[in-house]
């Protein structure tokens, strides 16, 4: 009888625990995926594999936005951004989650196939980041993390990092970054993971320019308010970060 009374006393607590909010706040991953022609096929495949793994670690209420890094972001991104939210209303046997993963998986497969069939001729990472900033402003509820997969060789109408004079040494690269990012702190306190992808053009650069390019992006993204980290093995490290964040 005493055991029964104890169980009845604890029952409301157990019910509240099982029906309450998640143990951690929901999150949104904003992923910038470089699909330009210079990215080697192996690195592109690893990037898409990493994104598929990230999906398996999203929980109910989480969301993901995937933006291909296009030749001209302002002109070419419309209609190509993938936005998905993990269902919050549970169905029997998690049928809702099965549909979610099937839908997102199909969309990723389509993006990957298109990137191989018609890869972007240039890399407008700066323009894509500006659009990602708009995405960040619209997110009011979830914790946001920005993940960038790229060789980080900007190649737009204004800059070609592979031979631009300012990107020749770290100091001038940092000064350029700070000038371009002035007044654009759109990612305050946001974790920004920069996952490097191997590209044919990156391998031709000298060591000093490579250091300068990384210096540019660290300075630029930091000036925009982000908490920046880089990894040479971009896809594998990014997938591990999302997996660890789930725990």
C-alpha atoms as a PDB file:
ATOM      1  CA  UNK A   1       0.000   0.000   0.000  1.00  0.00           C
ATOM      2  CA  UNK A   2       2.839   2.369   0.873  1.00  0.00           C
ATOM      3  CA  UNK A   3       4.451   1.681  -2.509  1.00  0.00           C
ATOM      4  CA  UNK A   4       1.143   2.440  -4.251  1.00  0.00           C
ATOM      5  CA  UNK A   5       0.785   5.752  -2.404  1.00  0.00           C
ATOM      6  CA  UNK A   6       4.351   6.669  -3.409  1.00  0.00           C
ATOM      7  CA  UNK A   7       3.640   5.844  -7.059  1.00  0.00           C
ATOM      8  CA  UNK A   8       0.437   7.936  -7.044  1.00  0.00           C
ATOM      9  CA  UNK A   9       2.343  10.837  -5.504  1.00  0.00           C
ATOM     10  CA  UNK A  10       5.030  10.690  -8.183  1.00  0.00           C
ATOM     11  CA  UNK A  11       2.662  10.104 -11.115  1.00  0.00           C
ATOM     12  CA  UNK A  12       1.987  13.812 -11.850  1.00  0.00           C
ATOM     13  CA  UNK A  13       5.723  14.466 -11.860  1.00  0.00           C
ATOM     14  CA  UNK A  14       6.331  11.589 -14.266  1.00  0.00           C
ATOM     15  CA  UNK A  15       3.565  12.790 -16.594  1.00  0.00           C
ATOM     16  CA  UNK A  16       4.872  16.353 -16.608  1.00  0.00           C
ATOM     17  CA  UNK A  17       8.382  15.114 -17.319  1.00  0.00           C
ATOM     18  CA  UNK A  18       7.316  12.997 -20.285  1.00  0.00           C
ATOM     19  CA  UNK A  19       5.003  15.630 -21.772  1.00  0.00           C
ATOM     20  CA  UNK A  20       7.066  18.731 -21.111  1.00  0.00           C
ATOM     21  CA  UNK A  21       9.286  20.691 -23.502  1.00  0.00           C
ATOM     22  CA  UNK A  22      12.461  19.186 -24.978  1.00  0.00           C
ATOM     23  CA  UNK A  23      15.529  19.020 -22.760  1.00  0.00           C
ATOM     24  CA  UNK A  24      17.279  21.544 -25.009  1.00  0.00           C
ATOM     25  CA  UNK A  25      16.018  24.404 -27.211  1.00  0.00           C
ATOM     26  CA  UNK A  26      15.284  23.731 -30.848  1.00  0.00           C
ATOM     27  CA  UNK A  27      17.864  24.753 -33.424  1.00  0.00           C
ATOM     28  CA  UNK A  28      18.127  25.807 -37.050  1.00  0.00           C
ATOM     29  CA  UNK A  29      21.087  24.830 -39.193  1.00  0.00           C
ATOM     30  CA  UNK A  30      21.820  27.221 -42.046  1.00  0.00           C
ATOM     31  CA  UNK A  31      24.168  25.491 -44.465  1.00  0.00           C
ATOM     32  CA  UNK A  32      25.981  27.150 -47.376  1.00  0.00           C
ATOM     33  CA  UNK A  33      27.040  24.446 -49.827  1.00  0.00           C
ATOM     34  CA  UNK A  34      29.637  25.342 -52.456  1.00  0.00           C
ATOM     35  CA  UNK A  35      28.638  23.603 -55.686  1.00  0.00           C
ATOM     36  CA  UNK A  36      31.034  25.443 -57.991  1.00  0.00           C
ATOM     37  CA  UNK A  37      32.924  23.619 -60.727  1.00  0.00           C
ATOM     38  CA  UNK A  38      36.294  23.918 -58.955  1.00  0.00           C
ATOM     39  CA  UNK A  39      35.247  21.671 -56.040  1.00  0.00           C
ATOM     40  CA  UNK A  40      36.612  18.188 -56.700  1.00  0.00           C
ATOM     41  CA  UNK A  41      33.976  15.458 -57.050  1.00  0.00           C
ATOM     42  CA  UNK A  42      35.143  13.551 -53.966  1.00  0.00           C
ATOM     43  CA  UNK A  43      34.836  16.651 -51.756  1.00  0.00           C
ATOM     44  CA  UNK A  44      31.381  17.415 -53.182  1.00  0.00           C
ATOM     45  CA  UNK A  45      30.221  13.870 -52.424  1.00  0.00           C
ATOM     46  CA  UNK A  46      31.585  14.113 -48.870  1.00  0.00           C
ATOM     47  CA  UNK A  47      29.726  17.398 -48.353  1.00  0.00           C
ATOM     48  CA  UNK A  48      26.370  15.932 -49.369  1.00  0.00           C
ATOM     49  CA  UNK A  49      27.018  12.824 -47.265  1.00  0.00           C
ATOM     50  CA  UNK A  50      27.716  15.066 -44.257  1.00  0.00           C
ATOM     51  CA  UNK A  51      24.469  16.969 -44.796  1.00  0.00           C
ATOM     52  CA  UNK A  52      22.525  13.699 -44.924  1.00  0.00           C
ATOM     53  CA  UNK A  53      24.086  12.630 -41.643  1.00  0.00           C
ATOM     54  CA  UNK A  54      23.208  15.974 -40.060  1.00  0.00           C
ATOM     55  CA  UNK A  55      19.564  15.338 -40.894  1.00  0.00           C
ATOM     56  CA  UNK A  56      19.582  12.203 -38.748  1.00  0.00           C
ATOM     57  CA  UNK A  57      20.542  14.281 -35.706  1.00  0.00           C
ATOM     58  CA  UNK A  58      17.780  16.872 -36.014  1.00  0.00           C
ATOM     59  CA  UNK A  59      15.029  16.550 -33.428  1.00  0.00           C
ATOM     60  CA  UNK A  60      11.390  17.555 -33.400  1.00  0.00           C
ATOM     61  CA  UNK A  61      11.051  21.329 -33.731  1.00  0.00           C
ATOM     62  CA  UNK A  62      14.490  21.714 -35.351  1.00  0.00           C
ATOM     63  CA  UNK A  63      14.880  23.219 -38.819  1.00  0.00           C
ATOM     64  CA  UNK A  64      17.420  23.250 -41.626  1.00  0.00           C
ATOM     65  CA  UNK A  65      18.085  25.679 -44.475  1.00  0.00           C
ATOM     66  CA  UNK A  66      20.451  24.732 -47.306  1.00  0.00           C
ATOM     67  CA  UNK A  67      21.727  27.344 -49.768  1.00  0.00           C
ATOM     68  CA  UNK A  68      23.844  26.390 -52.778  1.00  0.00           C
ATOM     69  CA  UNK A  69      26.704  28.844 -53.256  1.00  0.00           C
ATOM     70  CA  UNK A  70      25.907  30.091 -56.739  1.00  0.00           C
ATOM     71  CA  UNK A  71      27.611  32.173 -59.412  1.00  0.00           C
ATOM     72  CA  UNK A  72      25.520  35.262 -58.595  1.00  0.00           C
ATOM     73  CA  UNK A  73      23.568  34.767 -55.395  1.00  0.00           C
ATOM     74  CA  UNK A  74      21.149  37.669 -55.846  1.00  0.00           C
ATOM     75  CA  UNK A  75      20.169  36.449 -59.318  1.00  0.00           C
ATOM     76  CA  UNK A  76      20.410  32.656 -59.027  1.00  0.00           C
ATOM     77  CA  UNK A  77      19.433  31.617 -55.503  1.00  0.00           C
ATOM     78  CA  UNK A  78      15.718  32.315 -55.775  1.00  0.00           C
ATOM     79  CA  UNK A  79      13.851  29.027 -55.940  1.00  0.00           C
ATOM     80  CA  UNK A  80      16.934  26.968 -55.070  1.00  0.00           C
ATOM     81  CA  UNK A  81      17.023  27.374 -51.274  1.00  0.00           C
ATOM     82  CA  UNK A  82      15.879  24.299 -49.332  1.00  0.00           C
ATOM     83  CA  UNK A  83      13.950  24.985 -46.107  1.00  0.00           C
ATOM     84  CA  UNK A  84      12.584  22.219 -43.906  1.00  0.00           C
ATOM     85  CA  UNK A  85      11.250  21.906 -40.351  1.00  0.00           C
ATOM     86  CA  UNK A  86      11.144  18.657 -38.406  1.00  0.00           C
ATOM     87  CA  UNK A  87       7.492  17.872 -37.527  1.00  0.00           C
ATOM     88  CA  UNK A  88       6.428  18.448 -33.929  1.00  0.00           C
ATOM     89  CA  UNK A  89       3.178  16.427 -34.044  1.00  0.00           C
ATOM     90  CA  UNK A  90       4.157  12.804 -33.580  1.00  0.00           C
ATOM     91  CA  UNK A  91       2.346  10.191 -35.666  1.00  0.00           C
ATOM     92  CA  UNK A  92       2.135   6.433 -34.959  1.00  0.00           C
ATOM     93  CA  UNK A  93       5.386   4.626 -35.729  1.00  0.00           C
ATOM     94  CA  UNK A  94       6.983   8.057 -36.412  1.00  0.00           C
ATOM     95  CA  UNK A  95       5.512   8.082 -39.907  1.00  0.00           C
ATOM     96  CA  UNK A  96       5.849  11.877 -39.917  1.00  0.00           C
ATOM     97  CA  UNK A  97       9.620  11.621 -39.431  1.00  0.00           C
ATOM     98  CA  UNK A  98       9.900   9.013 -42.165  1.00  0.00           C
ATOM     99  CA  UNK A  99       8.138  11.369 -44.605  1.00  0.00           C
ATOM    100  CA  UNK A 100      10.359  14.240 -43.497  1.00  0.00           C
ATOM    101  CA  UNK A 101      13.587  12.334 -44.115  1.00  0.00           C
ATOM    102  CA  UNK A 102      12.312  11.004 -47.426  1.00  0.00           C
ATOM    103  CA  UNK A 103      11.339  14.502 -48.628  1.00  0.00           C
ATOM    104  CA  UNK A 104      14.573  16.164 -47.571  1.00  0.00           C
ATOM    105  CA  UNK A 105      16.672  13.273 -48.869  1.00  0.00           C
ATOM    106  CA  UNK A 106      15.018  13.543 -52.265  1.00  0.00           C
ATOM    107  CA  UNK A 107      15.630  17.307 -52.374  1.00  0.00           C
ATOM    108  CA  UNK A 108      19.298  16.844 -51.465  1.00  0.00           C
ATOM    109  CA  UNK A 109      19.727  14.162 -54.095  1.00  0.00           C
ATOM    110  CA  UNK A 110      18.260  16.524 -56.687  1.00  0.00           C
ATOM    111  CA  UNK A 111      20.600  19.339 -55.629  1.00  0.00           C
ATOM    112  CA  UNK A 112      23.610  17.011 -55.764  1.00  0.00           C
ATOM    113  CA  UNK A 113      22.697  15.710 -59.208  1.00  0.00           C
ATOM    114  CA  UNK A 114      22.202  19.251 -60.514  1.00  0.00           C
ATOM    115  CA  UNK A 115      25.545  20.362 -59.057  1.00  0.00           C
ATOM    116  CA  UNK A 116      27.286  17.580 -60.971  1.00  0.00           C
ATOM    117  CA  UNK A 117      25.356  18.165 -64.179  1.00  0.00           C
ATOM    118  CA  UNK A 118      25.617  21.975 -64.241  1.00  0.00           C
ATOM    119  CA  UNK A 119      28.091  23.182 -61.589  1.00  0.00           C
ATOM    120  CA  UNK A 120      28.260  26.896 -60.856  1.00  0.00           C
ATOM    121  CA  UNK A 121      30.937  28.596 -62.951  1.00  0.00           C
ATOM    122  CA  UNK A 122      31.917  30.985 -60.141  1.00  0.00           C
ATOM    123  CA  UNK A 123      31.715  31.277 -56.346  1.00  0.00           C
ATOM    124  CA  UNK A 124      29.678  34.134 -54.851  1.00  0.00           C
ATOM    125  CA  UNK A 125      30.136  33.322 -51.181  1.00  0.00           C
ATOM    126  CA  UNK A 126      29.869  36.965 -50.082  1.00  0.00           C
ATOM    127  CA  UNK A 127      26.510  37.328 -51.816  1.00  0.00           C
ATOM    128  CA  UNK A 128      25.242  34.042 -50.391  1.00  0.00           C
ATOM    129  CA  UNK A 129      26.250  35.143 -46.883  1.00  0.00           C
ATOM    130  CA  UNK A 130      24.200  38.318 -47.329  1.00  0.00           C
ATOM    131  CA  UNK A 131      21.134  36.201 -48.101  1.00  0.00           C
ATOM    132  CA  UNK A 132      21.943  33.912 -45.167  1.00  0.00           C
ATOM    133  CA  UNK A 133      21.861  37.044 -43.006  1.00  0.00           C
ATOM    134  CA  UNK A 134      18.291  37.671 -44.140  1.00  0.00           C
ATOM    135  CA  UNK A 135      17.445  34.087 -43.187  1.00  0.00           C
ATOM    136  CA  UNK A 136      18.967  34.619 -39.748  1.00  0.00           C
ATOM    137  CA  UNK A 137      16.898  37.761 -39.130  1.00  0.00           C
ATOM    138  CA  UNK A 138      13.675  35.838 -39.794  1.00  0.00           C
ATOM    139  CA  UNK A 139      14.505  33.179 -37.201  1.00  0.00           C
ATOM    140  CA  UNK A 140      13.086  34.340 -33.869  1.00  0.00           C
ATOM    141  CA  UNK A 141      12.723  31.167 -31.822  1.00  0.00           C
ATOM    142  CA  UNK A 142      15.475  28.668 -32.528  1.00  0.00           C
ATOM    143  CA  UNK A 143      19.174  28.742 -31.770  1.00  0.00           C
ATOM    144  CA  UNK A 144      20.992  29.146 -35.074  1.00  0.00           C
ATOM    145  CA  UNK A 145      24.244  27.685 -36.343  1.00  0.00           C
ATOM    146  CA  UNK A 146      25.815  28.637 -39.672  1.00  0.00           C
ATOM    147  CA  UNK A 147      27.837  25.996 -41.525  1.00  0.00           C
ATOM    148  CA  UNK A 148      29.827  26.894 -44.632  1.00  0.00           C
ATOM    149  CA  UNK A 149      31.243  24.256 -46.960  1.00  0.00           C
ATOM    150  CA  UNK A 150      33.593  25.826 -49.511  1.00  0.00           C
ATOM    151  CA  UNK A 151      37.135  26.256 -50.750  1.00  0.00           C
ATOM    152  CA  UNK A 152      36.553  29.927 -49.760  1.00  0.00           C
ATOM    153  CA  UNK A 153      37.905  31.235 -53.051  1.00  0.00           C
ATOM    154  CA  UNK A 154      35.516  34.106 -53.754  1.00  0.00           C
ATOM    155  CA  UNK A 155      35.154  34.569 -57.496  1.00  0.00           C
ATOM    156  CA  UNK A 156      32.480  37.135 -58.310  1.00  0.00           C
ATOM    157  CA  UNK A 157      32.193  40.279 -60.431  1.00  0.00           C
ATOM    158  CA  UNK A 158      34.321  42.254 -57.959  1.00  0.00           C
ATOM    159  CA  UNK A 159      36.773  39.821 -56.351  1.00  0.00           C
ATOM    160  CA  UNK A 160      38.823  36.858 -57.479  1.00  0.00           C
ATOM    161  CA  UNK A 161      40.638  35.703 -54.364  1.00  0.00           C
ATOM    162  CA  UNK A 162      43.017  33.468 -56.296  1.00  0.00           C
ATOM    163  CA  UNK A 163      44.901  36.496 -57.659  1.00  0.00           C
ATOM    164  CA  UNK A 164      43.497  39.597 -55.924  1.00  0.00           C
ATOM    165  CA  UNK A 165      46.354  41.747 -54.598  1.00  0.00           C
ATOM    166  CA  UNK A 166      44.716  42.391 -51.216  1.00  0.00           C
ATOM    167  CA  UNK A 167      44.501  38.640 -50.608  1.00  0.00           C
ATOM    168  CA  UNK A 168      48.223  38.200 -51.169  1.00  0.00           C
ATOM    169  CA  UNK A 169      49.214  38.697 -47.525  1.00  0.00           C
ATOM    170  CA  UNK A 170      47.304  38.279 -44.241  1.00  0.00           C
ATOM    171  CA  UNK A 171      47.428  41.915 -43.097  1.00  0.00           C
ATOM    172  CA  UNK A 172      45.839  43.436 -46.188  1.00  0.00           C
ATOM    173  CA  UNK A 173      43.344  40.547 -46.333  1.00  0.00           C
ATOM    174  CA  UNK A 174      42.243  41.297 -42.781  1.00  0.00           C
ATOM    175  CA  UNK A 175      41.911  45.028 -43.501  1.00  0.00           C
ATOM    176  CA  UNK A 176      39.773  44.327 -46.567  1.00  0.00           C
ATOM    177  CA  UNK A 177      37.547  41.983 -44.548  1.00  0.00           C
ATOM    178  CA  UNK A 178      37.003  44.541 -41.798  1.00  0.00           C
ATOM    179  CA  UNK A 179      36.153  47.227 -44.359  1.00  0.00           C
ATOM    180  CA  UNK A 180      33.647  45.019 -46.183  1.00  0.00           C
ATOM    181  CA  UNK A 181      31.994  43.828 -42.963  1.00  0.00           C
ATOM    182  CA  UNK A 182      31.713  47.253 -41.327  1.00  0.00           C
ATOM    183  CA  UNK A 183      28.176  47.782 -40.048  1.00  0.00           C
ATOM    184  CA  UNK A 184      27.050  44.263 -40.988  1.00  0.00           C
ATOM    185  CA  UNK A 185      26.990  42.472 -37.625  1.00  0.00           C
ATOM    186  CA  UNK A 186      24.069  40.256 -38.652  1.00  0.00           C
ATOM    187  CA  UNK A 187      25.235  37.063 -36.867  1.00  0.00           C
ATOM    188  CA  UNK A 188      25.623  38.234 -33.250  1.00  0.00           C
ATOM    189  CA  UNK A 189      26.945  35.394 -31.111  1.00  0.00           C
ATOM    190  CA  UNK A 190      26.212  32.801 -33.799  1.00  0.00           C
ATOM    191  CA  UNK A 191      28.523  29.760 -34.072  1.00  0.00           C
ATOM    192  CA  UNK A 192      29.924  29.757 -37.615  1.00  0.00           C
ATOM    193  CA  UNK A 193      31.706  26.627 -38.767  1.00  0.00           C
ATOM    194  CA  UNK A 194      33.860  26.896 -41.881  1.00  0.00           C
ATOM    195  CA  UNK A 195      34.443  23.480 -43.398  1.00  0.00           C
ATOM    196  CA  UNK A 196      37.061  23.549 -46.120  1.00  0.00           C
ATOM    197  CA  UNK A 197      36.509  21.638 -49.359  1.00  0.00           C
ATOM    198  CA  UNK A 198      39.336  20.602 -51.637  1.00  0.00           C
ATOM    199  CA  UNK A 199      39.288  22.281 -55.032  1.00  0.00           C
ATOM    200  CA  UNK A 200      41.443  22.239 -58.130  1.00  0.00           C
ATOM    201  CA  UNK A 201      42.202  25.942 -57.805  1.00  0.00           C
ATOM    202  CA  UNK A 202      43.069  25.847 -54.090  1.00  0.00           C
ATOM    203  CA  UNK A 203      45.877  23.382 -54.743  1.00  0.00           C
ATOM    204  CA  UNK A 204      47.582  25.849 -57.113  1.00  0.00           C
ATOM    205  CA  UNK A 205      47.879  28.662 -54.526  1.00  0.00           C
ATOM    206  CA  UNK A 206      51.032  29.442 -52.577  1.00  0.00           C
ATOM    207  CA  UNK A 207      51.036  29.013 -48.805  1.00  0.00           C
ATOM    208  CA  UNK A 208      50.990  32.723 -47.944  1.00  0.00           C
ATOM    209  CA  UNK A 209      47.877  33.374 -50.035  1.00  0.00           C
ATOM    210  CA  UNK A 210      46.124  30.416 -48.434  1.00  0.00           C
ATOM    211  CA  UNK A 211      46.831  31.854 -44.990  1.00  0.00           C
ATOM    212  CA  UNK A 212      45.644  35.280 -46.144  1.00  0.00           C
ATOM    213  CA  UNK A 213      42.367  33.885 -47.477  1.00  0.00           C
ATOM    214  CA  UNK A 214      41.628  32.148 -44.204  1.00  0.00           C
ATOM    215  CA  UNK A 215      42.563  35.359 -42.367  1.00  0.00           C
ATOM    216  CA  UNK A 216      40.059  37.247 -44.511  1.00  0.00           C
ATOM    217  CA  UNK A 217      37.172  34.944 -43.683  1.00  0.00           C
ATOM    218  CA  UNK A 218      37.963  34.739 -39.982  1.00  0.00           C
ATOM    219  CA  UNK A 219      38.091  38.541 -39.797  1.00  0.00           C
ATOM    220  CA  UNK A 220      35.022  39.034 -41.985  1.00  0.00           C
ATOM    221  CA  UNK A 221      32.781  36.567 -40.155  1.00  0.00           C
ATOM    222  CA  UNK A 222      34.006  37.707 -36.739  1.00  0.00           C
ATOM    223  CA  UNK A 223      33.236  41.318 -37.655  1.00  0.00           C
ATOM    224  CA  UNK A 224      29.732  40.144 -38.573  1.00  0.00           C
ATOM    225  CA  UNK A 225      29.338  38.915 -34.990  1.00  0.00           C
ATOM    226  CA  UNK A 226      30.065  35.229 -35.489  1.00  0.00           C
ATOM    227  CA  UNK A 227      32.042  32.805 -33.334  1.00  0.00           C
ATOM    228  CA  UNK A 228      34.223  31.344 -36.070  1.00  0.00           C
ATOM    229  CA  UNK A 229      35.972  27.985 -36.317  1.00  0.00           C
ATOM    230  CA  UNK A 230      37.753  26.378 -39.288  1.00  0.00           C
ATOM    231  CA  UNK A 231      38.442  22.748 -40.138  1.00  0.00           C
ATOM    232  CA  UNK A 232      40.506  21.375 -43.006  1.00  0.00           C
ATOM    233  CA  UNK A 233      38.445  18.171 -43.053  1.00  0.00           C
ATOM    234  CA  UNK A 234      35.232  20.158 -43.391  1.00  0.00           C
ATOM    235  CA  UNK A 235      32.461  17.585 -44.002  1.00  0.00           C
ATOM    236  CA  UNK A 236      33.581  15.035 -41.394  1.00  0.00           C
ATOM    237  CA  UNK A 237      34.151  17.675 -38.705  1.00  0.00           C
ATOM    238  CA  UNK A 238      30.828  19.437 -39.344  1.00  0.00           C
ATOM    239  CA  UNK A 239      28.879  16.190 -39.053  1.00  0.00           C
ATOM    240  CA  UNK A 240      30.650  15.429 -35.771  1.00  0.00           C
ATOM    241  CA  UNK A 241      29.815  18.884 -34.363  1.00  0.00           C
ATOM    242  CA  UNK A 242      26.103  18.448 -35.076  1.00  0.00           C
ATOM    243  CA  UNK A 243      26.200  14.918 -33.660  1.00  0.00           C
ATOM    244  CA  UNK A 244      27.875  16.107 -30.441  1.00  0.00           C
ATOM    245  CA  UNK A 245      25.436  19.017 -30.122  1.00  0.00           C
ATOM    246  CA  UNK A 246      22.606  16.483 -29.863  1.00  0.00           C
ATOM    247  CA  UNK A 247      23.988  15.021 -26.646  1.00  0.00           C
END
